[in-house]
C-alpha atoms as a PDB file:
ATOM      1  CA  MET A   1     -66.645  98.630  59.560  1.00  0.00           C
ATOM      2  CA  ILE A   2     -62.986  99.136  58.708  1.00  0.00           C
ATOM      3  CA  ARG A   3     -60.978 101.889  60.362  1.00  0.00           C
ATOM      4  CA  ILE A   4     -57.675 103.189  59.029  1.00  0.00           C
ATOM      5  CA  SER A   5     -55.467 105.430  61.132  1.00  0.00           C
ATOM      6  CA  SER A   6     -51.983 106.802  60.677  1.00  0.00           C
ATOM      7  CA  GLU A   7     -49.345 108.548  62.721  1.00  0.00           C
ATOM      8  CA  THR A   8     -45.671 109.304  62.600  1.00  0.00           C
ATOM      9  CA  ASP A   9     -43.049 108.467  65.181  1.00  0.00           C
ATOM     10  CA  GLY A  10     -39.810 110.203  64.296  1.00  0.00           C
ATOM     11  CA  GLY A  11     -38.977 109.058  60.783  1.00  0.00           C
ATOM     12  CA  ILE A  12     -41.435 106.147  60.861  1.00  0.00           C
ATOM     13  CA  VAL A  13     -44.939 106.173  59.389  1.00  0.00           C
ATOM     14  CA  ILE A  14     -47.380 103.851  61.172  1.00  0.00           C
ATOM     15  CA  VAL A  15     -50.642 102.822  59.495  1.00  0.00           C
ATOM     16  CA  ARG A  16     -53.200 100.664  61.304  1.00  0.00           C
ATOM     17  CA  VAL A  17     -56.090  98.919  59.588  1.00  0.00           C
ATOM     18  CA  ARG A  18     -58.723  97.552  61.991  1.00  0.00           C
ATOM     19  CA  ASP A  19     -61.976  95.743  61.457  1.00  0.00           C
ATOM     20  CA  GLU A  20     -64.796  94.831  63.810  1.00  0.00           C
ATOM     21  CA  GLY A  21     -64.978  91.148  62.886  1.00  0.00           C
ATOM     22  CA  LEU A  22     -64.206  88.110  64.987  1.00  0.00           C
ATOM     23  CA  GLY A  23     -60.448  88.569  64.792  1.00  0.00           C
ATOM     24  CA  ILE A  24     -57.879  86.008  63.698  1.00  0.00           C
ATOM     25  CA  PRO A  25     -57.824  82.641  65.489  1.00  0.00           C
ATOM     26  CA  SER A  26     -54.642  82.378  67.545  1.00  0.00           C
ATOM     27  CA  GLU A  27     -53.566  79.190  65.741  1.00  0.00           C
ATOM     28  CA  ASN A  28     -53.642  81.122  62.433  1.00  0.00           C
ATOM     29  CA  LEU A  29     -52.161  84.378  63.681  1.00  0.00           C
ATOM     30  CA  GLU A  30     -48.615  83.011  63.670  1.00  0.00           C
ATOM     31  CA  ARG A  31     -48.921  81.658  60.114  1.00  0.00           C
ATOM     32  CA  ILE A  32     -50.934  84.171  58.089  1.00  0.00           C
ATOM     33  CA  PHE A  33     -47.868  85.705  56.427  1.00  0.00           C
ATOM     34  CA  GLU A  34     -46.522  82.320  55.261  1.00  0.00           C
ATOM     35  CA  PRO A  35     -46.720  81.767  51.491  1.00  0.00           C
ATOM     36  CA  PHE A  36     -49.608  79.469  50.518  1.00  0.00           C
ATOM     37  CA  PHE A  37     -51.201  79.493  53.982  1.00  0.00           C
ATOM     38  CA  THR A  38     -54.932  79.974  53.530  1.00  0.00           C
ATOM     39  CA  THR A  39     -58.117  79.329  55.457  1.00  0.00           C
ATOM     40  CA  LYS A  40     -60.222  79.735  52.292  1.00  0.00           C
ATOM     41  CA  GLY A  41     -59.671  76.244  50.894  1.00  0.00           C
ATOM     42  CA  SER A  42     -59.742  76.150  47.101  1.00  0.00           C
ATOM     43  CA  HIS A  43     -60.970  79.775  46.994  1.00  0.00           C
ATOM     44  CA  GLY A  44     -57.645  81.273  48.105  1.00  0.00           C
ATOM     45  CA  THR A  45     -54.002  80.973  47.125  1.00  0.00           C
ATOM     46  CA  GLY A  46     -52.477  82.082  50.399  1.00  0.00           C
ATOM     47  CA  LEU A  47     -50.280  84.622  48.638  1.00  0.00           C
ATOM     48  CA  GLY A  48     -51.930  87.949  49.514  1.00  0.00           C
ATOM     49  CA  LEU A  49     -50.420  88.556  52.945  1.00  0.00           C
ATOM     50  CA  ALA A  50     -47.136  86.903  51.960  1.00  0.00           C
ATOM     51  CA  LEU A  51     -46.865  89.417  49.103  1.00  0.00           C
ATOM     52  CA  ALA A  52     -47.817  92.271  51.432  1.00  0.00           C
ATOM     53  CA  ARG A  53     -44.969  91.284  53.750  1.00  0.00           C
ATOM     54  CA  LYS A  54     -42.549  91.089  50.799  1.00  0.00           C
ATOM     55  CA  VAL A  55     -43.544  94.591  49.657  1.00  0.00           C
ATOM     56  CA  MET A  56     -43.075  95.954  53.177  1.00  0.00           C
ATOM     57  CA  ASP A  57     -39.666  94.251  53.419  1.00  0.00           C
ATOM     58  CA  THR A  58     -38.669  95.830  50.100  1.00  0.00           C
ATOM     59  CA  LEU A  59     -39.719  99.257  51.409  1.00  0.00           C
ATOM     60  CA  GLY A  60     -37.702  98.738  54.588  1.00  0.00           C
ATOM     61  CA  GLY A  61     -40.810  98.362  56.703  1.00  0.00           C
ATOM     62  CA  THR A  62     -42.803  95.769  58.586  1.00  0.00           C
ATOM     63  CA  ILE A  63     -46.352  94.446  58.702  1.00  0.00           C
ATOM     64  CA  THR A  64     -47.793  92.673  61.707  1.00  0.00           C
ATOM     65  CA  ALA A  65     -51.191  91.285  62.628  1.00  0.00           C
ATOM     66  CA  SER A  66     -52.915  91.076  65.964  1.00  0.00           C
ATOM     67  CA  ASN A  67     -56.368  91.013  67.463  1.00  0.00           C
ATOM     68  CA  GLY A  68     -57.999  94.051  68.992  1.00  0.00           C
ATOM     69  CA  LEU A  69     -58.361  94.477  72.717  1.00  0.00           C
ATOM     70  CA  GLY A  70     -60.678  91.854  74.102  1.00  0.00           C
ATOM     71  CA  GLY A  71     -60.141  89.707  71.000  1.00  0.00           C
ATOM     72  CA  GLY A  72     -62.495  91.717  68.795  1.00  0.00           C
ATOM     73  CA  GLY A  73     -61.450  92.452  65.250  1.00  0.00           C
ATOM     74  CA  ALA A  74     -58.164  92.094  63.426  1.00  0.00           C
ATOM     75  CA  VAL A  75     -55.524  94.819  63.454  1.00  0.00           C
ATOM     76  CA  PHE A  76     -52.844  95.059  60.770  1.00  0.00           C
ATOM     77  CA  THR A  77     -50.006  97.462  61.560  1.00  0.00           C
ATOM     78  CA  LEU A  78     -47.708  98.691  58.798  1.00  0.00           C
ATOM     79  CA  GLN A  79     -44.546 100.593  59.710  1.00  0.00           C
ATOM     80  CA  PHE A  80     -42.202 102.060  57.138  1.00  0.00           C
ATOM     81  CA  PRO A  81     -39.650 104.843  56.857  1.00  0.00           C
ATOM     82  CA  ALA A  82     -41.053 108.240  55.916  1.00  0.00           C
ATOM     83  CA  ALA A  83     -40.017 109.420  52.465  1.00  0.00           C
ATOM     84  CA  ARG A  84     -37.291 112.006  52.274  1.00  0.00           C
ATOM     85  CA  LEU A  85     -38.501 114.762  49.984  1.00  0.00           C
ATOM     86  CA  SER A  86     -36.386 117.144  47.972  1.00  0.00           C
ATOM     87  CA  GLY A  87     -36.598 119.282  44.874  1.00  0.00           C
ATOM     88  CA  PRO A  88     -39.000 122.002  43.801  1.00  0.00           C
ATOM     89  CA  ASN A  89     -41.851 119.611  42.954  1.00  0.00           C
ATOM     90  CA  ALA A  90     -41.670 117.514  46.133  1.00  0.00           C
ATOM     91  CA  GLN A  91     -44.904 116.818  47.971  1.00  0.00           C
ATOM     92  CA  ALA A  92     -44.997 117.226  51.719  1.00  0.00           C
ATOM     93  CA  GLY A  93     -47.668 116.361  54.265  1.00  0.00           C
ATOM     94  CA  ASP A  94     -49.107 119.346  56.115  1.00  0.00           C
ATOM     95  CA  ALA A  95     -49.725 119.315  59.847  1.00  0.00           C
ATOM     96  CA  ASP A  96     -53.333 118.270  59.221  1.00  0.00           C
ATOM     97  CA  GLY A  97     -52.209 115.246  57.175  1.00  0.00           C
ATOM     98  CA  SER A  98     -53.186 116.731  53.801  1.00  0.00           C
ATOM     99  CA  ILE A  99     -50.856 116.762  50.833  1.00  0.00           C
ATOM    100  CA  SER A 100     -49.612 119.955  49.285  1.00  0.00           C
ATOM    101  CA  LYS A 101     -47.422 120.440  46.253  1.00  0.00           C
ATOM    102  CA  SER A 102     -44.653 123.012  45.994  1.00  0.00           C
ATOM    103  CA  ALA A 103     -44.439 124.987  42.769  1.00  0.00           C
END
């Protein structure tokens, strides 16, 4: 199972993606965002998480990886600045997290 949660902290949006797998071995945890690092042998390029980090950098945010409490499952945490909305057609999140559009 994969769980996705989100919250805001001031002007920062925090998104967490968790799974219930075995987690990430500690020797790999420090390297998974390096370009061309892969544990999939010839079946992977090692570019996916490196590109994810580059996108987050471009957006002014961060992405980190850790293991869940007790070592169970991987947790990826994305933090980025909340969008500043303006104009008559801007979308804004409601208190319940839904999106509404101004007319």
